[in-house]
Amino acid sequence: MKEAWAALDNRLKRNEKLKESIILDMMRSKTRKLLNKVITLEIIYVVVAFLVMSFCIFQIYRTYELAANIFLFFVVAVCFFHFFWGGFKIHGLMKINLSNNIGRNFYYMNRYTIQIKRERKIYTYYVLIPLTIMVIVSLSVIERYVWWLFFIVSLPVAYWSNLLYTLPHHKNVGLIFKSLDEIRELKEE
């Protein structure tokens, strides 16, 4: 009888460990999916920055109005910065390995959230405010209506892209932190 209870106890312990490993694998796959969403969104923004930068460089050679060229140089500079900054953020996110040290994963996610906060401040103070001033000043200088339309449309697009860029990040990053915390709790047990 004692041996039967010991065998049953061993089987229950193995089943419990198996259940924990299955739950841990499910949590890792959920976290990996969320992380892939964030990385994909970052890659899309880097590609869009590259395309916009290429288009603006092409337009600089076709445009002879000073205000339009200043605006285009400004956009090229912003896209150039975002291209490399986005690559830096993607590089940090790619270092997250869910099967290894959870502390390192928290470090990289915290670093990413700090980068997003810095990017938002930089974007607000060095992009949106100067862009608003440029649009106001250039509307009185530019003679062609096509450039007026371009300037007027670019300002709301810049504001909305900033807003649309950060909203999914906050949700997904919060969910990633929650999942990492749950993984850490499961590993500690």
N, C-alpha and C. Protein backbone atom coordinates (compact mmCIF):
# COMPACT_ATOMS: atom_id res chain seq x y z
N MET A 1 0.82 -1.19 0.00
CA MET A 1 0.00 0.00 0.00
C MET A 1 0.87 1.26 0.00
N LYS A 2 1.94 1.21 0.81
CA LYS A 2 2.84 2.36 0.90
C LYS A 2 3.49 2.65 -0.45
N GLU A 3 3.88 1.61 -1.16
CA GLU A 3 4.51 1.77 -2.47
C GLU A 3 3.53 2.34 -3.49
N ALA A 4 2.28 1.93 -3.40
CA ALA A 4 1.26 2.44 -4.32
C ALA A 4 1.05 3.94 -4.09
N TRP A 5 1.01 4.35 -2.85
CA TRP A 5 0.86 5.78 -2.55
C TRP A 5 2.08 6.57 -3.02
N ALA A 6 3.26 6.02 -2.84
CA ALA A 6 4.50 6.69 -3.28
C ALA A 6 4.51 6.81 -4.80
N ALA A 7 4.09 5.75 -5.49
CA ALA A 7 4.04 5.79 -6.97
C ALA A 7 3.01 6.82 -7.43
N LEU A 8 1.87 6.84 -6.78
CA LEU A 8 0.83 7.82 -7.12
C LEU A 8 1.31 9.24 -6.85
N ASP A 9 2.01 9.42 -5.75
CA ASP A 9 2.55 10.74 -5.41
C ASP A 9 3.58 11.20 -6.46
N ASN A 10 4.44 10.28 -6.89
CA ASN A 10 5.43 10.61 -7.93
C ASN A 10 4.75 10.98 -9.24
N ARG A 11 3.71 10.22 -9.60
CA ARG A 11 2.98 10.54 -10.83
C ARG A 11 2.31 11.91 -10.75
N LEU A 12 1.73 12.22 -9.61
CA LEU A 12 1.09 13.53 -9.43
C LEU A 12 2.11 14.66 -9.52
N LYS A 13 3.30 14.46 -8.96
CA LYS A 13 4.35 15.48 -9.04
C LYS A 13 4.80 15.67 -10.48
N ARG A 14 4.95 14.55 -11.22
CA ARG A 14 5.34 14.66 -12.64
C ARG A 14 4.25 15.37 -13.45
N ASN A 15 3.00 15.05 -13.18
CA ASN A 15 1.89 15.72 -13.88
C ASN A 15 1.86 17.22 -13.56
N GLU A 16 2.14 17.55 -12.31
CA GLU A 16 2.15 18.96 -11.92
C GLU A 16 3.28 19.71 -12.63
N LYS A 17 4.46 19.08 -12.70
CA LYS A 17 5.58 19.71 -13.40
C LYS A 17 5.28 19.84 -14.89
N LEU A 18 4.62 18.83 -15.45
CA LEU A 18 4.24 18.88 -16.86
C LEU A 18 3.24 20.01 -17.11
N LYS A 19 2.26 20.15 -16.25
CA LYS A 19 1.29 21.24 -16.38
C LYS A 19 1.98 22.60 -16.27
N GLU A 20 2.90 22.73 -15.33
CA GLU A 20 3.62 24.00 -15.18
C GLU A 20 4.44 24.31 -16.42
N SER A 21 5.09 23.30 -16.99
CA SER A 21 5.89 23.55 -18.20
C SER A 21 4.99 23.91 -19.38
N ILE A 22 3.82 23.29 -19.47
CA ILE A 22 2.88 23.63 -20.55
C ILE A 22 2.38 25.07 -20.38
N ILE A 23 2.04 25.44 -19.17
CA ILE A 23 1.59 26.81 -18.90
C ILE A 23 2.71 27.80 -19.19
N LEU A 24 3.93 27.46 -18.81
CA LEU A 24 5.08 28.33 -19.06
C LEU A 24 5.30 28.51 -20.57
N ASP A 25 5.19 27.42 -21.33
CA ASP A 25 5.33 27.52 -22.78
C ASP A 25 4.23 28.37 -23.39
N MET A 26 3.01 28.25 -22.88
CA MET A 26 1.90 29.07 -23.38
C MET A 26 2.15 30.55 -23.08
N MET A 27 2.64 30.84 -21.90
CA MET A 27 2.93 32.23 -21.54
C MET A 27 4.06 32.79 -22.40
N ARG A 28 5.05 31.97 -22.66
CA ARG A 28 6.16 32.42 -23.52
C ARG A 28 5.68 32.70 -24.94
N SER A 29 4.83 31.83 -25.47
CA SER A 29 4.34 32.06 -26.84
C SER A 29 3.45 33.29 -26.90
N LYS A 30 2.65 33.53 -25.87
CA LYS A 30 1.81 34.74 -25.83
C LYS A 30 2.69 35.99 -25.79
N THR A 31 3.72 35.95 -24.96
CA THR A 31 4.63 37.09 -24.85
C THR A 31 5.40 37.29 -26.15
N ARG A 32 5.81 36.21 -26.79
CA ARG A 32 6.54 36.31 -28.06
C ARG A 32 5.65 36.95 -29.13
N LYS A 33 4.36 36.59 -29.16
CA LYS A 33 3.43 37.19 -30.13
C LYS A 33 3.30 38.69 -29.89
N LEU A 34 3.16 39.08 -28.64
CA LEU A 34 3.07 40.52 -28.32
C LEU A 34 4.35 41.25 -28.70
N LEU A 35 5.47 40.62 -28.42
CA LEU A 35 6.76 41.23 -28.74
C LEU A 35 6.93 41.34 -30.26
N ASN A 36 6.48 40.33 -30.99
CA ASN A 36 6.55 40.39 -32.45
C ASN A 36 5.68 41.51 -33.01
N LYS A 37 4.54 41.78 -32.37
CA LYS A 37 3.70 42.90 -32.81
C LYS A 37 4.44 44.22 -32.66
N VAL A 38 5.10 44.39 -31.52
CA VAL A 38 5.84 45.63 -31.26
C VAL A 38 6.99 45.77 -32.25
N ILE A 39 7.72 44.69 -32.47
CA ILE A 39 8.86 44.73 -33.40
C ILE A 39 8.37 45.00 -34.82
N THR A 40 7.27 44.37 -35.23
CA THR A 40 6.73 44.60 -36.56
C THR A 40 6.32 46.05 -36.74
N LEU A 41 5.68 46.61 -35.73
CA LEU A 41 5.27 48.02 -35.81
C LEU A 41 6.49 48.93 -35.92
N GLU A 42 7.54 48.63 -35.18
CA GLU A 42 8.78 49.41 -35.27
C GLU A 42 9.40 49.29 -36.67
N ILE A 43 9.40 48.09 -37.22
CA ILE A 43 9.95 47.90 -38.56
C ILE A 43 9.14 48.67 -39.59
N ILE A 44 7.84 48.67 -39.45
CA ILE A 44 6.99 49.43 -40.39
C ILE A 44 7.33 50.91 -40.31
N TYR A 45 7.50 51.44 -39.11
CA TYR A 45 7.82 52.86 -38.97
C TYR A 45 9.20 53.19 -39.54
N VAL A 46 10.14 52.27 -39.41
CA VAL A 46 11.47 52.50 -39.99
C VAL A 46 11.39 52.50 -41.52
N VAL A 47 10.63 51.57 -42.08
CA VAL A 47 10.48 51.51 -43.53
C VAL A 47 9.75 52.76 -44.05
N VAL A 48 8.71 53.18 -43.34
CA VAL A 48 7.98 54.40 -43.75
C VAL A 48 8.91 55.61 -43.66
N ALA A 49 9.72 55.69 -42.62
CA ALA A 49 10.66 56.81 -42.51
C ALA A 49 11.64 56.81 -43.67
N PHE A 50 12.12 55.64 -44.05
CA PHE A 50 13.04 55.55 -45.18
C PHE A 50 12.35 55.98 -46.48
N LEU A 51 11.13 55.53 -46.70
CA LEU A 51 10.41 55.90 -47.92
C LEU A 51 10.10 57.39 -47.98
N VAL A 52 9.67 57.95 -46.86
CA VAL A 52 9.38 59.39 -46.82
C VAL A 52 10.66 60.18 -47.05
N MET A 53 11.76 59.73 -46.43
CA MET A 53 13.04 60.40 -46.62
C MET A 53 13.46 60.35 -48.09
N SER A 54 13.30 59.21 -48.72
CA SER A 54 13.65 59.09 -50.14
C SER A 54 12.80 59.99 -51.01
N PHE A 55 11.50 60.04 -50.74
CA PHE A 55 10.60 60.90 -51.50
C PHE A 55 10.97 62.37 -51.33
N CYS A 56 11.27 62.78 -50.11
CA CYS A 56 11.61 64.18 -49.86
C CYS A 56 12.94 64.56 -50.53
N ILE A 57 13.90 63.65 -50.53
CA ILE A 57 15.17 63.93 -51.22
C ILE A 57 14.91 64.10 -52.71
N PHE A 58 14.05 63.27 -53.26
CA PHE A 58 13.69 63.39 -54.67
C PHE A 58 13.01 64.74 -54.94
N GLN A 59 12.14 65.16 -54.02
CA GLN A 59 11.42 66.43 -54.20
C GLN A 59 12.34 67.64 -54.05
N ILE A 60 13.38 67.52 -53.25
CA ILE A 60 14.31 68.64 -53.07
C ILE A 60 14.94 69.02 -54.40
N TYR A 61 15.26 68.02 -55.21
CA TYR A 61 15.88 68.29 -56.51
C TYR A 61 14.89 68.82 -57.54
N ARG A 62 13.61 68.66 -57.30
CA ARG A 62 12.61 69.13 -58.24
C ARG A 62 11.99 70.47 -57.83
N THR A 63 12.22 70.91 -56.63
CA THR A 63 11.57 72.11 -56.11
C THR A 63 12.57 73.26 -56.04
N TYR A 64 12.11 74.42 -56.42
CA TYR A 64 12.99 75.59 -56.40
C TYR A 64 12.50 76.68 -55.45
N GLU A 65 11.48 76.37 -54.66
CA GLU A 65 11.00 77.34 -53.68
C GLU A 65 11.75 77.14 -52.37
N LEU A 66 12.22 78.23 -51.81
CA LEU A 66 13.06 78.15 -50.61
C LEU A 66 12.31 77.57 -49.42
N ALA A 67 11.10 78.04 -49.17
CA ALA A 67 10.34 77.55 -48.01
C ALA A 67 10.05 76.06 -48.14
N ALA A 68 9.74 75.62 -49.35
CA ALA A 68 9.46 74.19 -49.54
C ALA A 68 10.73 73.37 -49.33
N ASN A 69 11.85 73.86 -49.80
CA ASN A 69 13.11 73.12 -49.61
C ASN A 69 13.52 73.07 -48.15
N ILE A 70 13.31 74.15 -47.43
CA ILE A 70 13.61 74.13 -45.98
C ILE A 70 12.74 73.09 -45.29
N PHE A 71 11.48 73.07 -45.63
CA PHE A 71 10.56 72.09 -45.06
C PHE A 71 11.00 70.67 -45.41
N LEU A 72 11.37 70.44 -46.65
CA LEU A 72 11.79 69.11 -47.08
C LEU A 72 13.08 68.67 -46.39
N PHE A 73 14.04 69.60 -46.22
CA PHE A 73 15.26 69.27 -45.48
C PHE A 73 14.93 68.89 -44.04
N PHE A 74 13.99 69.60 -43.46
CA PHE A 74 13.56 69.31 -42.10
C PHE A 74 12.97 67.89 -42.02
N VAL A 75 12.12 67.55 -42.96
CA VAL A 75 11.51 66.22 -42.97
C VAL A 75 12.57 65.14 -43.19
N VAL A 76 13.53 65.40 -44.06
CA VAL A 76 14.62 64.44 -44.29
C VAL A 76 15.41 64.23 -43.00
N ALA A 77 15.69 65.30 -42.29
CA ALA A 77 16.44 65.18 -41.03
C ALA A 77 15.66 64.37 -40.00
N VAL A 78 14.36 64.62 -39.89
CA VAL A 78 13.54 63.88 -38.94
C VAL A 78 13.48 62.40 -39.32
N CYS A 79 13.29 62.12 -40.58
CA CYS A 79 13.22 60.73 -41.04
C CYS A 79 14.57 60.02 -40.87
N PHE A 80 15.65 60.72 -41.11
CA PHE A 80 16.99 60.16 -40.93
C PHE A 80 17.19 59.78 -39.47
N PHE A 81 16.83 60.69 -38.58
CA PHE A 81 16.93 60.41 -37.15
C PHE A 81 16.07 59.21 -36.78
N HIS A 82 14.82 59.20 -37.25
CA HIS A 82 13.91 58.12 -36.89
C HIS A 82 14.36 56.79 -37.47
N PHE A 83 14.97 56.80 -38.63
CA PHE A 83 15.46 55.58 -39.25
C PHE A 83 16.50 54.90 -38.36
N PHE A 84 17.47 55.66 -37.88
CA PHE A 84 18.51 55.08 -37.03
C PHE A 84 18.02 54.83 -35.60
N TRP A 85 17.21 55.70 -35.07
CA TRP A 85 16.66 55.52 -33.73
C TRP A 85 15.77 54.27 -33.69
N GLY A 86 14.96 54.09 -34.72
CA GLY A 86 14.11 52.90 -34.80
C GLY A 86 14.94 51.63 -34.92
N GLY A 87 16.02 51.69 -35.68
CA GLY A 87 16.91 50.53 -35.78
C GLY A 87 17.53 50.19 -34.43
N PHE A 88 17.88 51.22 -33.67
CA PHE A 88 18.45 51.02 -32.33
C PHE A 88 17.42 50.36 -31.41
N LYS A 89 16.17 50.81 -31.48
CA LYS A 89 15.12 50.22 -30.65
C LYS A 89 14.84 48.77 -31.05
N ILE A 90 14.81 48.50 -32.35
CA ILE A 90 14.58 47.14 -32.83
C ILE A 90 15.71 46.22 -32.37
N HIS A 91 16.94 46.70 -32.43
CA HIS A 91 18.09 45.92 -31.98
C HIS A 91 17.93 45.52 -30.51
N GLY A 92 17.49 46.45 -29.68
CA GLY A 92 17.28 46.15 -28.27
C GLY A 92 16.16 45.16 -28.04
N LEU A 93 15.08 45.29 -28.81
CA LEU A 93 13.95 44.36 -28.66
C LEU A 93 14.31 42.95 -29.12
N MET A 94 15.18 42.86 -30.11
CA MET A 94 15.57 41.55 -30.62
C MET A 94 16.43 40.78 -29.62
N LYS A 95 16.98 41.46 -28.64
CA LYS A 95 17.82 40.80 -27.64
C LYS A 95 16.99 40.07 -26.58
N ILE A 96 15.69 40.29 -26.58
CA ILE A 96 14.83 39.64 -25.60
C ILE A 96 14.72 38.16 -25.94
N ASN A 97 15.08 37.32 -24.98
CA ASN A 97 15.04 35.87 -25.15
C ASN A 97 14.23 35.32 -23.98
N LEU A 98 13.05 34.82 -24.27
CA LEU A 98 12.13 34.41 -23.22
C LEU A 98 12.52 33.11 -22.52
N SER A 99 13.43 32.37 -23.08
CA SER A 99 13.83 31.12 -22.43
C SER A 99 15.00 31.32 -21.46
N ASN A 100 15.59 32.50 -21.48
CA ASN A 100 16.73 32.77 -20.61
C ASN A 100 16.33 33.63 -19.42
N ASN A 101 17.26 34.39 -18.94
CA ASN A 101 17.12 35.22 -17.75
C ASN A 101 15.99 36.24 -17.90
N ILE A 102 15.01 36.15 -17.04
CA ILE A 102 13.87 37.07 -17.08
C ILE A 102 14.30 38.48 -16.70
N GLY A 103 15.28 38.59 -15.82
CA GLY A 103 15.77 39.90 -15.41
C GLY A 103 16.31 40.70 -16.59
N ARG A 104 17.04 40.03 -17.49
CA ARG A 104 17.55 40.71 -18.70
C ARG A 104 16.40 41.16 -19.59
N ASN A 105 15.36 40.34 -19.68
CA ASN A 105 14.21 40.71 -20.49
C ASN A 105 13.51 41.95 -19.92
N PHE A 106 13.39 42.01 -18.60
CA PHE A 106 12.83 43.21 -17.97
C PHE A 106 13.71 44.42 -18.26
N TYR A 107 15.02 44.21 -18.22
CA TYR A 107 15.95 45.31 -18.51
C TYR A 107 15.71 45.86 -19.92
N TYR A 108 15.63 44.97 -20.91
CA TYR A 108 15.45 45.43 -22.29
C TYR A 108 14.08 46.07 -22.50
N MET A 109 13.05 45.57 -21.84
CA MET A 109 11.73 46.18 -21.98
C MET A 109 11.69 47.55 -21.28
N ASN A 110 12.32 47.65 -20.11
CA ASN A 110 12.39 48.96 -19.44
C ASN A 110 13.17 49.95 -20.28
N ARG A 111 14.26 49.50 -20.88
CA ARG A 111 15.04 50.37 -21.76
C ARG A 111 14.20 50.83 -22.95
N TYR A 112 13.40 49.93 -23.48
CA TYR A 112 12.54 50.28 -24.61
C TYR A 112 11.49 51.33 -24.21
N THR A 113 10.88 51.17 -23.03
CA THR A 113 9.88 52.15 -22.60
C THR A 113 10.53 53.51 -22.36
N ILE A 114 11.75 53.53 -21.85
CA ILE A 114 12.46 54.80 -21.68
C ILE A 114 12.74 55.43 -23.04
N GLN A 115 13.12 54.61 -24.01
CA GLN A 115 13.37 55.13 -25.36
C GLN A 115 12.10 55.72 -25.97
N ILE A 116 10.97 55.08 -25.75
CA ILE A 116 9.69 55.59 -26.27
C ILE A 116 9.36 56.93 -25.62
N LYS A 117 9.57 57.04 -24.30
CA LYS A 117 9.29 58.31 -23.62
C LYS A 117 10.20 59.42 -24.14
N ARG A 118 11.47 59.11 -24.32
CA ARG A 118 12.40 60.10 -24.87
C ARG A 118 12.01 60.49 -26.28
N GLU A 119 11.64 59.51 -27.07
CA GLU A 119 11.25 59.77 -28.45
C GLU A 119 10.03 60.69 -28.51
N ARG A 120 9.10 60.48 -27.62
CA ARG A 120 7.91 61.33 -27.59
C ARG A 120 8.24 62.77 -27.24
N LYS A 121 9.13 62.94 -26.26
CA LYS A 121 9.55 64.30 -25.91
C LYS A 121 10.28 64.96 -27.07
N ILE A 122 11.21 64.21 -27.66
CA ILE A 122 11.97 64.74 -28.80
C ILE A 122 11.02 65.09 -29.93
N TYR A 123 10.09 64.21 -30.21
CA TYR A 123 9.15 64.41 -31.30
C TYR A 123 8.29 65.65 -31.06
N THR A 124 7.85 65.82 -29.82
CA THR A 124 7.01 66.97 -29.52
C THR A 124 7.78 68.28 -29.60
N TYR A 125 8.94 68.34 -28.97
CA TYR A 125 9.68 69.60 -28.89
C TYR A 125 10.47 69.94 -30.15
N TYR A 126 10.98 68.92 -30.82
CA TYR A 126 11.86 69.19 -31.95
C TYR A 126 11.25 68.89 -33.32
N VAL A 127 10.04 68.34 -33.33
CA VAL A 127 9.39 68.07 -34.61
C VAL A 127 8.06 68.80 -34.71
N LEU A 128 7.15 68.53 -33.80
CA LEU A 128 5.80 69.09 -33.94
C LEU A 128 5.76 70.60 -33.78
N ILE A 129 6.46 71.13 -32.80
CA ILE A 129 6.47 72.59 -32.60
C ILE A 129 7.15 73.30 -33.76
N PRO A 130 8.36 72.88 -34.19
CA PRO A 130 8.95 73.54 -35.37
C PRO A 130 8.11 73.35 -36.63
N LEU A 131 7.49 72.18 -36.78
CA LEU A 131 6.65 71.94 -37.95
C LEU A 131 5.46 72.90 -37.96
N THR A 132 4.87 73.12 -36.82
CA THR A 132 3.76 74.07 -36.73
C THR A 132 4.21 75.46 -37.11
N ILE A 133 5.36 75.88 -36.60
CA ILE A 133 5.89 77.21 -36.93
C ILE A 133 6.20 77.30 -38.41
N MET A 134 6.79 76.25 -38.98
CA MET A 134 7.10 76.26 -40.41
C MET A 134 5.84 76.38 -41.26
N VAL A 135 4.82 75.66 -40.88
CA VAL A 135 3.57 75.73 -41.66
C VAL A 135 2.99 77.12 -41.60
N ILE A 136 2.97 77.73 -40.43
CA ILE A 136 2.41 79.08 -40.29
C ILE A 136 3.22 80.09 -41.09
N VAL A 137 4.53 80.02 -40.99
CA VAL A 137 5.39 80.97 -41.71
C VAL A 137 5.34 80.72 -43.21
N SER A 138 5.38 79.47 -43.62
CA SER A 138 5.44 79.18 -45.05
C SER A 138 4.15 79.49 -45.78
N LEU A 139 3.04 79.49 -45.08
CA LEU A 139 1.78 79.80 -45.76
C LEU A 139 1.77 81.24 -46.27
N SER A 140 2.50 82.11 -45.60
CA SER A 140 2.54 83.50 -46.07
C SER A 140 3.60 83.71 -47.16
N VAL A 141 4.52 82.76 -47.32
CA VAL A 141 5.63 82.92 -48.26
C VAL A 141 5.39 82.17 -49.57
N ILE A 142 4.79 81.02 -49.49
CA ILE A 142 4.68 80.15 -50.66
C ILE A 142 3.63 80.67 -51.63
N GLU A 143 3.96 80.57 -52.90
CA GLU A 143 3.08 81.10 -53.93
C GLU A 143 2.19 80.02 -54.53
N ARG A 144 2.67 78.79 -54.60
CA ARG A 144 1.89 77.74 -55.25
C ARG A 144 0.96 77.06 -54.24
N TYR A 145 -0.26 76.82 -54.66
CA TYR A 145 -1.27 76.23 -53.78
C TYR A 145 -1.00 74.76 -53.46
N VAL A 146 -0.26 74.10 -54.33
CA VAL A 146 0.06 72.69 -54.08
C VAL A 146 0.88 72.56 -52.80
N TRP A 147 1.85 73.47 -52.62
CA TRP A 147 2.67 73.41 -51.41
C TRP A 147 1.87 73.82 -50.18
N TRP A 148 0.93 74.72 -50.35
CA TRP A 148 0.07 75.08 -49.23
C TRP A 148 -0.70 73.85 -48.76
N LEU A 149 -1.27 73.15 -49.71
CA LEU A 149 -2.02 71.94 -49.38
C LEU A 149 -1.11 70.92 -48.70
N PHE A 150 0.10 70.76 -49.22
CA PHE A 150 1.05 69.81 -48.64
C PHE A 150 1.38 70.17 -47.20
N PHE A 151 1.64 71.44 -46.94
CA PHE A 151 1.96 71.88 -45.59
C PHE A 151 0.77 71.72 -44.65
N ILE A 152 -0.39 72.10 -45.12
CA ILE A 152 -1.58 72.03 -44.26
C ILE A 152 -1.92 70.58 -43.93
N VAL A 153 -1.75 69.68 -44.88
CA VAL A 153 -2.04 68.26 -44.64
C VAL A 153 -0.96 67.62 -43.76
N SER A 154 0.29 68.04 -43.90
CA SER A 154 1.38 67.39 -43.17
C SER A 154 1.30 67.62 -41.66
N LEU A 155 0.77 68.73 -41.24
CA LEU A 155 0.70 69.00 -39.81
C LEU A 155 -0.25 68.05 -39.08
N PRO A 156 -1.51 67.91 -39.52
CA PRO A 156 -2.37 66.92 -38.82
C PRO A 156 -1.86 65.49 -38.95
N VAL A 157 -1.25 65.17 -40.09
CA VAL A 157 -0.69 63.82 -40.26
C VAL A 157 0.41 63.58 -39.23
N ALA A 158 1.25 64.58 -39.00
CA ALA A 158 2.32 64.43 -38.01
C ALA A 158 1.75 64.25 -36.60
N TYR A 159 0.74 65.04 -36.25
CA TYR A 159 0.12 64.89 -34.93
C TYR A 159 -0.54 63.52 -34.78
N TRP A 160 -1.31 63.09 -35.76
CA TRP A 160 -2.00 61.82 -35.67
C TRP A 160 -1.03 60.64 -35.71
N SER A 161 0.03 60.75 -36.49
CA SER A 161 0.99 59.64 -36.54
C SER A 161 1.68 59.48 -35.19
N ASN A 162 1.95 60.59 -34.53
CA ASN A 162 2.54 60.52 -33.18
C ASN A 162 1.58 59.83 -32.22
N LEU A 163 0.31 60.18 -32.30
CA LEU A 163 -0.68 59.59 -31.41
C LEU A 163 -0.90 58.11 -31.74
N LEU A 164 -1.06 57.79 -33.01
CA LEU A 164 -1.29 56.41 -33.41
C LEU A 164 -0.08 55.52 -33.17
N TYR A 165 1.09 56.13 -33.19
CA TYR A 165 2.33 55.38 -32.96
C TYR A 165 2.44 54.94 -31.50
N THR A 166 2.04 55.79 -30.57
CA THR A 166 2.27 55.48 -29.16
C THR A 166 1.13 54.69 -28.52
N LEU A 167 -0.09 54.79 -29.01
CA LEU A 167 -1.20 54.08 -28.37
C LEU A 167 -1.04 52.56 -28.38
N PRO A 168 -0.76 51.93 -29.54
CA PRO A 168 -0.59 50.46 -29.49
C PRO A 168 0.63 50.04 -28.66
N HIS A 169 1.64 50.88 -28.64
CA HIS A 169 2.84 50.54 -27.87
C HIS A 169 2.52 50.45 -26.39
N HIS A 170 1.76 51.41 -25.87
CA HIS A 170 1.44 51.40 -24.44
C HIS A 170 0.68 50.13 -24.08
N LYS A 171 -0.28 49.75 -24.91
CA LYS A 171 -1.08 48.56 -24.63
C LYS A 171 -0.21 47.32 -24.70
N ASN A 172 0.53 47.14 -25.80
CA ASN A 172 1.33 45.92 -25.97
C ASN A 172 2.47 45.84 -24.98
N VAL A 173 3.13 46.95 -24.70
CA VAL A 173 4.23 46.93 -23.74
C VAL A 173 3.71 46.59 -22.34
N GLY A 174 2.57 47.13 -21.99
CA GLY A 174 1.97 46.77 -20.70
C GLY A 174 1.65 45.30 -20.60
N LEU A 175 1.11 44.73 -21.68
CA LEU A 175 0.80 43.31 -21.69
C LEU A 175 2.08 42.46 -21.65
N ILE A 176 3.13 42.92 -22.30
CA ILE A 176 4.40 42.19 -22.27
C ILE A 176 4.96 42.18 -20.85
N PHE A 177 4.91 43.33 -20.18
CA PHE A 177 5.39 43.37 -18.79
C PHE A 177 4.57 42.43 -17.90
N LYS A 178 3.27 42.42 -18.10
CA LYS A 178 2.40 41.54 -17.31
C LYS A 178 2.76 40.08 -17.56
N SER A 179 2.97 39.71 -18.82
CA SER A 179 3.34 38.34 -19.16
C SER A 179 4.71 37.96 -18.61
N LEU A 180 5.67 38.89 -18.70
CA LEU A 180 7.00 38.61 -18.13
C LEU A 180 6.92 38.40 -16.62
N ASP A 181 6.06 39.17 -15.97
CA ASP A 181 5.88 39.02 -14.53
C ASP A 181 5.28 37.65 -14.21
N GLU A 182 4.31 37.22 -15.01
CA GLU A 182 3.71 35.91 -14.79
C GLU A 182 4.71 34.78 -15.05
N ILE A 183 5.54 34.95 -16.05
CA ILE A 183 6.58 33.95 -16.34
C ILE A 183 7.56 33.86 -15.17
N ARG A 184 7.92 35.03 -14.62
CA ARG A 184 8.84 35.03 -13.49
C ARG A 184 8.21 34.31 -12.29
N GLU A 185 6.92 34.55 -12.04
CA GLU A 185 6.25 33.88 -10.94
C GLU A 185 6.20 32.36 -11.14
N LEU A 186 5.94 31.95 -12.39
CA LEU A 186 5.92 30.51 -12.66
C LEU A 186 7.28 29.87 -12.49
N LYS A 187 8.33 30.57 -12.88
CA LYS A 187 9.68 30.01 -12.74
C LYS A 187 10.10 29.93 -11.28
N GLU A 188 9.61 30.87 -10.46
CA GLU A 188 9.98 30.85 -9.04
C GLU A 188 9.32 29.73 -8.29
N GLU A 189 8.16 29.28 -8.76
CA GLU A 189 7.45 28.20 -8.07
C GLU A 189 8.10 26.90 -8.29
